[in-house]
Structures are given as structure tokens and as C-alpha cells.
């Protein structure tokens, strides 16, 4: 069969759209602003995953690489932008964390509180949280001016600068308390010293009065080799110091008041690549930012978190009050028999390929697959067997198959997929 150059190019665009990773950015395969809506295939019937994620609660999307977490978030944001009273913010957690490893804090103020290794970790955490908050500010500014400009100008006047200045003023409050953590750490060190002294005195039969503002039970050991209890103490002290320094509850309450003025009733904060950061950094992030906002925001701020199975820390968040959606096919499709589960996964691949070939090629999948000896269902099964129903893997399998088939004016055979 002779495929036209246009057919080959369209099929390559189809394949490329499946291989996309991270924010599921499809702008380079189509300039159409609704492309995510046109291409989106929900893992469950009746768009059940999307509808669940759109509910006003914190949601964790759990799945291996390529299972579609970023695509679901992109589809969520597209839908939220149609709303007149909701705002979605996107935070690329991994990228921000990597950027935070180059920080400009004056370490001299902290050297007496940490070992050299712990000092570097602490300042990375601090830089990371500061960048998260900065990115949140940028997202709020960009999305409100883009989707709520009419409401902003009706309240703040035709000059949007007044709204921008109010937004900046709220976030500038952080700078006033940026080094409050130093004072908190000093108290922690006093507490640690007091406890050591009391223990020593008790052994000698004498007593030592502990300062009234000391915090019992928080003794940070700064030796290079730490026990798990000492490690937990370091994490606890770090989280408490950073919580006082950034005070996210106060900042976000002010943000809520500002956003409510322009009619925004709910804010979804989408955290992509959450599991890509260090576990210790994840704990600090959850304890300082996510958990306080989720638990105390009066249902205003809710998180949509893309994570890997078994690699997420919840802190004080009640797991009974959040929704966890598992995207790996063996968790997603519940059936009494393994064969039924696999059949549902294969149907998902069929819907995915039918949607993509229709959009990019104005054709059906069998236009590109050799069905002279095998039924099209055999191809869906083969793709499932190879990819375990991971959309990104489907894209890569078709990319390799394309080299041996369509690019050489031949339809894809089962052998091309193996």
C-alpha cells in the first residue's frame, strides 16, 4: 500500500501526541485551544475519572509513568476554565525543586543550628517552598487576568494594575518574616540544650529548671550519623521553623478574600510530578503548605496531586477525606476475573486509538493496521500485552512500528509491534 506523505505525517503527529509527557502540552501538534478536550479519553465510562477529579475535594491521581496523570490534570484545567467561579493553578513540583537547589540564602545565620549536610538540605527546602509560593502568585496573576479580567476591571477599575498591586502586597508579606525561622531554630536549640542538661543533672541527683518557652520532646541532634528519631526531630524542627517563616494560612486567607471579590468560590492547585522530589522535601512540603491549607482552608483551596503508587506522604491529612484514584489498569478496572479486567483495559486502548486516528488522520485505526490476516481486536490485545495499557508506552510502540511499516508504505502487522 502506498501511503501519501500527508498520511505519514498525520500518523506521526498521532504517535507524537501519545508520547507526550509532563504537562501534556499538545501545542506543537495542534494550535487549537480545545485540543485537550478533543483528544481526551477518560479511563472509565461516562468520563468518571474527570468528573471525580472535578469534585471539590483534594484528589490524588496515582499511577506509573505514562498512565495519563498529567493529561487528566490538563483536561481538568481546561474544564475549570469554562467555569465562572473556579480557578485552577498548575505547579510543576519537580522542576521547582530542581531549581531550588541553587539558592541565595545567607547560610551564616544558620550555621550554628545545623550540620553542614543538614544546613544545605534545610536551605534547599526553604528555597523550594519560597519558589512554590512565588509560582502560586504567578499562576494566580496569569489566570485571573486571563479568565476573570472583566470582573477585575468592574471591581478594581479599568486599570488592572490596582488588582496586581493588591496581589503583590499580599505575597510581599512573606518577606517581612523571611528570617523568622532563625528565631524559631534558636528556641529549638535552647530546648535541646535544656533537655540535655536536665538529663545530665538528674543522673547526678540534682535538678535543672527548664525555660518556660522550651518545647519538650524536640531535641535535634546534629551529629553526622543520626538515628531515625533524631532524623524525625530534624524534620519536625525544620517544618515548624518554615511554617512560622512562611505562614501559608495567613497568606492564603488574604488571597481567598481577594479572589472572592472577583467571584472565585474554589481554587484547585494542581501539583504535577509530586513524587519526583526527595521524600524529606515531600514531607516538609506537605507539613508546611499542603496539609495546613487542605485542613484549614474551609474547602476553598483543594489539591489535585499526580503521584506514583506508594510514594506519597499525607502528613496530617485525613485519608478518609480525600479521593485517591489509581490509574494502573489492574487497580482501575475492577472485575471478578483477570480476563475481564484485561478486556476493559483493551477497550480503553481501542477508544484511545479510535479517537486519535479520527482527530489526526480522519480515519479509523484499521486504515493503518494490516487486518488481512488478523482482526483489529488482535492488535488491541497485542498493544495491551506490550504496554500494560500505559498510553505513553502505546505511543512509543507505534513509533517503533512506524519505522518498519507506514514509513515504508506498509500497514502495521502484529510482527511490527513485537
Protein backbone atom coordinates (compact mmCIF):
# COMPACT_ATOMS: atom_id res chain seq x y z
CA UNK A 1 0.00 0.00 0.00
CA UNK A 2 1.28 3.46 -0.81
CA UNK A 3 0.64 5.97 1.98
CA UNK A 4 0.72 9.60 0.97
CA UNK A 5 3.21 11.96 2.60
CA UNK A 6 0.25 13.61 4.31
CA UNK A 7 -0.88 10.24 5.74
CA UNK A 8 2.59 9.55 7.07
CA UNK A 9 2.88 12.98 8.65
CA UNK A 10 -0.56 12.75 10.24
CA UNK A 11 0.21 9.33 11.69
CA UNK A 12 3.49 10.64 13.09
CA UNK A 13 1.58 13.50 14.74
CA UNK A 14 -0.79 10.94 16.24
CA UNK A 15 2.13 8.96 17.64
CA UNK A 16 3.84 12.08 18.93
CA UNK A 17 0.70 13.16 20.79
CA UNK A 18 0.71 9.85 22.69
CA UNK A 19 4.38 10.13 23.62
CA UNK A 20 3.92 13.49 25.27
CA UNK A 21 4.96 13.72 28.90
CA UNK A 22 4.83 16.24 31.74
CA UNK A 23 2.11 18.86 31.26
CA UNK A 24 0.59 17.04 28.27
CA UNK A 25 1.41 20.10 26.16
CA UNK A 26 0.00 19.45 22.70
CA UNK A 27 0.50 22.94 21.31
CA UNK A 28 3.20 21.76 18.91
CA UNK A 29 0.91 19.18 17.28
CA UNK A 30 -2.10 21.48 17.07
CA UNK A 31 -2.72 25.17 17.73
CA UNK A 32 -6.38 24.52 18.53
CA UNK A 33 -7.07 25.65 22.09
CA UNK A 34 -9.62 22.87 22.67
CA UNK A 35 -7.31 20.06 21.57
CA UNK A 36 -7.15 18.52 25.06
CA UNK A 37 -10.93 18.24 25.06
CA UNK A 38 -10.96 16.78 21.54
CA UNK A 39 -8.32 14.15 22.32
CA UNK A 40 -9.14 13.28 25.90
CA UNK A 41 -10.26 9.70 26.51
CA UNK A 42 -11.33 9.01 30.06
CA UNK A 43 -10.04 5.75 31.55
CA UNK A 44 -13.59 4.98 32.71
CA UNK A 45 -17.00 5.16 31.06
CA UNK A 46 -19.04 8.36 31.28
CA UNK A 47 -15.85 10.37 32.00
CA UNK A 48 -15.98 9.10 35.57
CA UNK A 49 -12.35 9.95 36.39
CA UNK A 50 -12.67 13.51 35.12
CA UNK A 51 -15.97 14.06 36.91
CA UNK A 52 -14.46 12.71 40.13
CA UNK A 53 -11.41 14.98 39.88
CA UNK A 54 -13.67 17.99 39.29
CA UNK A 55 -15.33 17.50 42.67
CA UNK A 56 -14.40 19.99 45.38
CA UNK A 57 -12.03 17.79 47.35
CA UNK A 58 -8.34 17.00 47.40
CA UNK A 59 -7.61 14.22 44.92
CA UNK A 60 -4.57 12.03 44.39
CA UNK A 61 -4.04 10.59 40.91
CA UNK A 62 -1.81 7.59 41.44
CA UNK A 63 -0.13 5.71 38.61
CA UNK A 64 3.15 4.77 36.99
CA UNK A 65 4.87 7.00 34.47
CA UNK A 66 2.78 7.50 31.34
CA UNK A 67 -0.57 6.41 32.78
CA UNK A 68 -2.14 9.78 31.96
CA UNK A 69 -1.92 11.75 35.21
CA UNK A 70 -0.75 14.96 33.52
CA UNK A 71 -3.33 14.54 30.78
CA UNK A 72 -6.13 14.31 33.33
CA UNK A 73 -4.83 17.43 35.07
CA UNK A 74 -4.69 19.26 31.73
CA UNK A 75 -8.26 18.18 30.99
CA UNK A 76 -9.33 19.28 34.47
CA UNK A 77 -7.82 22.72 33.98
CA UNK A 78 -9.48 23.08 30.59
CA UNK A 79 -12.86 22.32 32.14
CA UNK A 80 -12.33 24.60 35.14
CA UNK A 81 -11.52 27.50 32.81
CA UNK A 82 -15.04 27.25 31.42
CA UNK A 83 -16.36 27.95 34.90
CA UNK A 84 -17.18 31.43 36.15
CA UNK A 85 -16.41 30.73 39.79
CA UNK A 86 -13.42 28.36 39.88
CA UNK A 87 -9.69 28.89 39.37
CA UNK A 88 -7.04 26.28 38.64
CA UNK A 89 -3.31 26.71 39.31
CA UNK A 90 -0.59 24.46 37.90
CA UNK A 91 2.63 23.76 39.81
CA UNK A 92 5.43 21.67 38.27
CA UNK A 93 6.83 20.38 41.56
CA UNK A 94 9.84 18.55 40.16
CA UNK A 95 11.12 21.49 38.11
CA UNK A 96 10.75 23.90 41.02
CA UNK A 97 12.55 21.53 43.37
CA UNK A 98 15.48 21.15 40.97
CA UNK A 99 15.72 24.92 40.57
CA UNK A 100 15.68 25.33 44.35
CA UNK A 101 18.99 23.52 44.70
CA UNK A 102 20.64 26.76 43.63
CA UNK A 103 19.66 29.21 46.38
CA UNK A 104 20.85 32.62 47.53
CA UNK A 105 20.16 32.49 51.25
CA UNK A 106 22.85 33.73 53.62
CA UNK A 107 23.87 30.49 55.32
CA UNK A 108 25.85 32.26 58.07
CA UNK A 109 22.65 32.82 60.06
CA UNK A 110 22.03 29.08 60.21
CA UNK A 111 25.46 27.51 60.72
CA UNK A 112 25.07 27.23 64.49
CA UNK A 113 21.82 25.29 64.11
CA UNK A 114 22.71 22.59 61.59
CA UNK A 115 25.46 20.30 60.49
CA UNK A 116 26.90 21.08 57.06
CA UNK A 117 24.76 18.40 55.39
CA UNK A 118 21.56 19.37 57.20
CA UNK A 119 22.17 23.06 56.54
CA UNK A 120 22.23 22.50 52.80
CA UNK A 121 19.07 20.40 52.98
CA UNK A 122 17.26 22.96 55.10
CA UNK A 123 18.08 25.86 52.79
CA UNK A 124 17.01 23.82 49.76
CA UNK A 125 13.67 23.16 51.50
CA UNK A 126 13.30 26.85 52.29
CA UNK A 127 14.16 27.87 48.74
CA UNK A 128 11.78 25.22 47.41
CA UNK A 129 8.82 26.47 49.47
CA UNK A 130 9.56 30.08 48.55
CA UNK A 131 9.57 29.16 44.86
CA UNK A 132 6.31 27.21 45.27
CA UNK A 133 4.65 30.27 46.76
CA UNK A 134 6.16 32.52 44.08
CA UNK A 135 4.87 30.21 41.35
CA UNK A 136 1.45 30.21 43.00
CA UNK A 137 1.44 34.00 42.85
CA UNK A 138 2.39 33.96 39.14
CA UNK A 139 -0.31 31.39 38.38
CA UNK A 140 -2.97 33.40 40.21
CA UNK A 141 -1.96 36.59 38.41
CA UNK A 142 -1.82 34.98 34.96
CA UNK A 143 -5.05 33.01 35.22
CA UNK A 144 -7.16 35.69 36.88
CA UNK A 145 -6.15 38.34 34.34
CA UNK A 146 -6.77 35.88 31.52
CA UNK A 147 -10.10 34.43 32.60
CA UNK A 148 -11.56 37.00 35.05
CA UNK A 149 -10.40 40.28 33.54
CA UNK A 150 -13.92 41.65 33.06
CA UNK A 151 -14.79 41.06 36.71
CA UNK A 152 -11.47 42.52 37.85
CA UNK A 153 -11.94 45.74 35.89
CA UNK A 154 -15.54 46.08 37.10
CA UNK A 155 -14.36 45.99 40.74
CA UNK A 156 -10.86 47.48 40.66
CA UNK A 157 -11.37 49.85 37.75
CA UNK A 158 -10.15 49.77 34.14
CA UNK A 159 -6.51 49.77 35.27
CA UNK A 160 -5.68 46.16 36.19
CA UNK A 161 -2.56 47.44 37.98
CA UNK A 162 -4.61 48.05 41.13
CA UNK A 163 -5.51 44.37 41.31
CA UNK A 164 -1.93 43.30 40.56
CA UNK A 165 -0.60 45.60 43.30
CA UNK A 166 -3.04 44.14 45.82
CA UNK A 167 -1.94 40.65 44.87
CA UNK A 168 1.73 41.57 45.19
CA UNK A 169 1.15 43.27 48.55
CA UNK A 170 -0.24 40.03 49.99
CA UNK A 171 2.73 37.97 48.87
CA UNK A 172 5.21 40.65 49.90
CA UNK A 173 4.14 39.99 53.50
CA UNK A 174 6.25 36.83 53.33
CA UNK A 175 9.44 38.88 53.01
CA UNK A 176 8.77 40.58 56.36
CA UNK A 177 9.03 37.25 58.18
CA UNK A 178 11.55 35.56 55.91
CA UNK A 179 14.11 35.11 58.68
CA UNK A 180 11.69 34.40 61.50
CA UNK A 181 12.77 30.77 61.18
CA UNK A 182 16.15 31.72 62.69
CA UNK A 183 14.43 32.74 65.92
CA UNK A 184 12.39 29.54 65.95
CA UNK A 185 15.52 27.47 65.46
CA UNK A 186 17.21 29.30 68.34
CA UNK A 187 14.36 28.28 70.62
CA UNK A 188 14.63 24.74 69.39
CA UNK A 189 18.33 24.70 70.21
CA UNK A 190 17.66 26.13 73.71
CA UNK A 191 15.10 23.41 74.24
CA UNK A 192 17.53 20.74 73.10
CA UNK A 193 20.27 22.11 75.40
CA UNK A 194 17.89 22.26 78.35
CA UNK A 195 16.85 18.66 77.91
CA UNK A 196 20.45 17.51 77.71
CA UNK A 197 21.27 19.47 80.86
CA UNK A 198 18.26 18.10 82.74
CA UNK A 199 19.19 14.55 81.81
CA UNK A 200 22.76 15.07 82.97
CA UNK A 201 21.73 16.73 86.23
CA UNK A 202 19.21 14.02 87.02
CA UNK A 203 21.94 11.45 86.84
CA UNK A 204 23.92 13.42 89.45
CA UNK A 205 20.91 13.68 91.72
CA UNK A 206 20.37 17.40 91.09
CA UNK A 207 17.65 19.25 89.19
CA UNK A 208 17.59 21.91 86.47
CA UNK A 209 14.69 24.24 85.74
CA UNK A 210 13.64 24.25 82.07
CA UNK A 211 12.81 27.56 80.43
CA UNK A 212 9.07 28.26 80.24
CA UNK A 213 9.17 28.67 76.46
CA UNK A 214 11.11 25.44 75.87
CA UNK A 215 9.39 22.80 73.81
CA UNK A 216 9.76 19.35 75.39
CA UNK A 217 10.46 16.44 73.13
CA UNK A 218 12.08 18.38 70.28
CA UNK A 219 15.77 17.70 70.62
CA UNK A 220 17.71 17.96 67.38
CA UNK A 221 20.99 16.07 67.25
CA UNK A 222 23.48 17.48 64.76
CA UNK A 223 25.85 14.56 64.50
CA UNK A 224 26.56 13.27 61.01
CA UNK A 225 25.11 9.84 61.82
CA UNK A 226 21.54 10.17 63.11
CA UNK A 227 19.02 7.68 64.39
CA UNK A 228 15.53 7.65 62.90
CA UNK A 229 14.24 9.53 65.96
CA UNK A 230 16.90 12.19 65.50
CA UNK A 231 16.06 12.41 61.81
CA UNK A 232 12.39 12.88 62.65
CA UNK A 233 13.34 15.61 65.12
CA UNK A 234 15.26 17.44 62.41
CA UNK A 235 12.29 17.20 60.02
CA UNK A 236 9.89 18.36 62.73
CA UNK A 237 12.08 21.32 63.67
CA UNK A 238 12.54 22.25 60.01
CA UNK A 239 8.81 22.10 59.28
CA UNK A 240 7.91 24.17 62.35
CA UNK A 241 10.51 26.84 61.56
CA UNK A 242 9.43 27.09 57.93
CA UNK A 243 5.75 27.14 58.86
CA UNK A 244 6.37 30.17 61.08
CA UNK A 245 8.53 31.80 58.40
CA UNK A 246 6.04 31.48 55.51
CA UNK A 247 2.73 31.35 57.41
CA UNK A 248 0.77 29.98 54.42
CA UNK A 249 -2.55 30.08 56.24
CA UNK A 250 -2.38 33.86 56.74
CA UNK A 251 -1.23 34.43 53.16
CA UNK A 252 -3.88 32.21 51.62
CA UNK A 253 -6.67 33.71 53.71
CA UNK A 254 -5.76 37.09 52.28
CA UNK A 255 -5.64 35.56 48.80
CA UNK A 256 -9.04 33.98 49.35
CA UNK A 257 -10.54 37.35 50.32
CA UNK A 258 -9.11 38.94 47.17
CA UNK A 259 -10.28 36.15 44.87
CA UNK A 260 -13.73 36.06 46.41
CA UNK A 261 -14.14 39.71 45.43
CA UNK A 262 -13.98 38.68 41.77
CA UNK A 263 -16.37 35.77 42.25
CA UNK A 264 -13.97 32.83 42.63
CA UNK A 265 -15.50 30.29 45.01
CA UNK A 266 -12.98 27.45 44.72
CA UNK A 267 -9.29 27.13 43.82
CA UNK A 268 -7.77 23.87 42.58
CA UNK A 269 -3.99 23.69 42.99
CA UNK A 270 -2.66 21.05 40.59
CA UNK A 271 0.65 19.52 41.64
CA UNK A 272 2.34 17.62 38.83
CA UNK A 273 5.34 15.28 39.26
CA UNK A 274 4.84 15.38 43.03
CA UNK A 275 6.60 12.05 43.65
CA UNK A 276 9.72 13.14 41.73
CA UNK A 277 11.11 15.12 44.67
CA UNK A 278 13.07 13.78 47.65
CA UNK A 279 10.95 12.13 50.32
CA UNK A 280 12.23 14.52 53.02
CA UNK A 281 11.36 17.51 50.84
CA UNK A 282 7.93 15.99 50.20
CA UNK A 283 7.33 15.74 53.96
CA UNK A 284 8.26 19.37 54.53
CA UNK A 285 6.12 20.49 51.58
CA UNK A 286 3.09 18.60 52.88
CA UNK A 287 3.54 19.65 56.50
CA UNK A 288 4.17 23.33 55.75
CA UNK A 289 1.94 24.01 52.72
CA UNK A 290 -0.44 21.26 51.66
CA UNK A 291 -1.73 19.91 54.97
CA UNK A 292 -2.46 23.31 56.60
CA UNK A 293 -4.23 24.65 53.53
CA UNK A 294 -6.17 21.46 52.92
CA UNK A 295 -7.31 21.14 56.53
CA UNK A 296 -7.94 24.79 57.40
CA UNK A 297 -8.99 26.49 54.16
CA UNK A 298 -12.71 25.96 54.73
CA UNK A 299 -13.00 23.99 51.49
CA UNK A 300 -11.62 26.89 49.42
CA UNK A 301 -8.23 25.50 48.36
CA UNK A 302 -8.10 21.89 47.22
CA UNK A 303 -5.18 19.99 45.72
CA UNK A 304 -5.07 17.72 42.70
CA UNK A 305 -1.88 15.69 43.07
CA UNK A 306 -0.20 13.48 40.47
CA UNK A 307 1.89 10.85 42.25
CA UNK A 308 3.46 7.41 41.92
CA UNK A 309 1.95 4.42 43.74
CA UNK A 310 3.38 4.00 47.21
CA UNK A 311 5.36 7.26 47.04
CA UNK A 312 3.24 9.92 48.66
CA UNK A 313 3.22 11.36 52.16
CA UNK A 314 -0.04 12.70 53.61
CA UNK A 315 1.07 14.08 56.97
CA UNK A 316 -1.95 15.30 58.95
CA UNK A 317 -4.33 14.97 56.00
CA UNK A 318 -7.11 12.52 56.80
CA UNK A 319 -7.01 9.88 54.02
CA UNK A 320 -10.74 9.33 54.54
CA UNK A 321 -11.43 12.90 53.42
CA UNK A 322 -9.56 12.79 50.14
CA UNK A 323 -10.14 10.82 46.97
CA UNK A 324 -7.46 8.52 45.62
CA UNK A 325 -7.82 7.38 42.01
CA UNK A 326 -5.47 4.61 40.91
CA UNK A 327 -4.77 4.70 37.18
CA UNK A 328 -2.87 1.45 36.62
CA UNK A 329 -5.26 -0.86 34.80
CA UNK A 330 -5.15 -3.64 37.43
CA UNK A 331 -6.34 -1.12 40.05
CA UNK A 332 -8.62 0.91 37.82
CA UNK A 333 -10.75 -1.85 36.32
CA UNK A 334 -12.45 -3.94 38.95
CA UNK A 335 -13.67 -7.31 37.73
CA UNK A 336 -14.08 -10.77 39.20
CA UNK A 337 -11.86 -12.36 36.55
CA UNK A 338 -8.44 -11.29 35.32
CA UNK A 339 -9.60 -11.72 31.73
CA UNK A 340 -12.45 -9.27 32.27
CA UNK A 341 -10.05 -6.70 33.71
CA UNK A 342 -7.77 -7.08 30.69
CA UNK A 343 -10.72 -6.80 28.30
CA UNK A 344 -11.68 -3.48 29.86
CA UNK A 345 -8.11 -2.27 29.50
CA UNK A 346 -8.08 -3.33 25.83
CA UNK A 347 -11.30 -1.43 25.27
CA UNK A 348 -9.55 1.61 26.68
CA UNK A 349 -6.77 1.24 24.11
CA UNK A 350 -9.37 0.88 21.37
CA UNK A 351 -11.12 4.11 22.40
CA UNK A 352 -7.78 5.89 22.64
CA UNK A 353 -6.62 4.87 19.14
CA UNK A 354 -10.01 5.47 17.55
CA UNK A 355 -10.13 9.00 18.98
CA UNK A 356 -6.57 9.82 17.87
CA UNK A 357 -6.83 8.39 14.34
CA UNK A 358 -10.12 10.20 13.81
CA UNK A 359 -8.69 13.50 15.01
CA UNK A 360 -5.30 13.43 13.30
CA UNK A 361 -5.94 11.24 10.25
CA UNK A 362 -9.70 11.47 9.66
CA UNK A 363 -9.68 7.69 9.53
CA UNK A 364 -10.16 4.56 11.59
CA UNK A 365 -7.31 2.50 13.08
CA UNK A 366 -7.69 -0.33 10.55
CA UNK A 367 -6.56 2.11 7.86
CA UNK A 368 -3.06 1.75 9.32
CA UNK A 369 -3.18 -1.84 10.63
CA UNK A 370 -2.98 -4.92 8.42
CA UNK A 371 -6.26 -6.72 9.07
CA UNK A 372 -5.94 -9.11 6.12
CA UNK A 373 -4.83 -11.94 8.44
CA UNK A 374 -5.73 -10.64 11.89
CA UNK A 375 -8.76 -8.91 13.30
CA UNK A 376 -8.29 -5.36 14.59
CA UNK A 377 -9.07 -6.69 18.08
CA UNK A 378 -5.89 -8.78 17.87
CA UNK A 379 -3.90 -5.58 17.50
CA UNK A 380 -5.54 -4.01 20.54
CA UNK A 381 -4.72 -7.12 22.57
CA UNK A 382 -1.13 -7.14 21.37
CA UNK A 383 -0.69 -3.48 22.25
CA UNK A 384 -2.17 -4.15 25.68
CA UNK A 385 0.16 -7.11 26.26
CA UNK A 386 3.18 -4.99 25.39
CA UNK A 387 2.27 -1.72 27.09
CA UNK A 388 0.10 -2.79 30.06
CA UNK A 389 -2.33 -0.12 28.86
CA UNK A 390 0.05 2.81 29.53
CA UNK A 391 -0.79 5.50 26.91
CA UNK A 392 2.76 6.84 26.65
CA UNK A 393 4.07 3.33 26.02
CA UNK A 394 1.44 2.92 23.30
CA UNK A 395 2.94 5.96 21.61
CA UNK A 396 6.46 4.55 21.76
CA UNK A 397 5.41 1.13 20.45
CA UNK A 398 3.68 2.76 17.49
CA UNK A 399 6.71 4.99 16.92
CA UNK A 400 8.97 1.95 16.55
CA UNK A 401 6.36 0.07 14.48
CA UNK A 402 6.06 3.07 12.19
CA UNK A 403 9.70 2.71 11.16
CA UNK A 404 9.08 -0.80 9.81
CA UNK A 405 5.68 -0.22 8.29
CA UNK A 406 3.93 3.04 7.42
CA UNK A 407 7.15 4.93 6.70
CA UNK A 408 7.91 2.15 4.19
CA UNK A 409 4.41 2.17 2.66
CA UNK A 410 3.28 -0.94 4.55
CA UNK A 411 0.50 -1.39 7.05
CA UNK A 412 1.39 -2.31 10.63
CA UNK A 413 1.44 -6.06 11.29
CA UNK A 414 1.50 -7.94 14.58
CA UNK A 415 5.19 -8.65 13.97
CA UNK A 416 5.87 -4.92 13.74
CA UNK A 417 4.52 -4.50 17.25
CA UNK A 418 6.65 -7.22 18.83
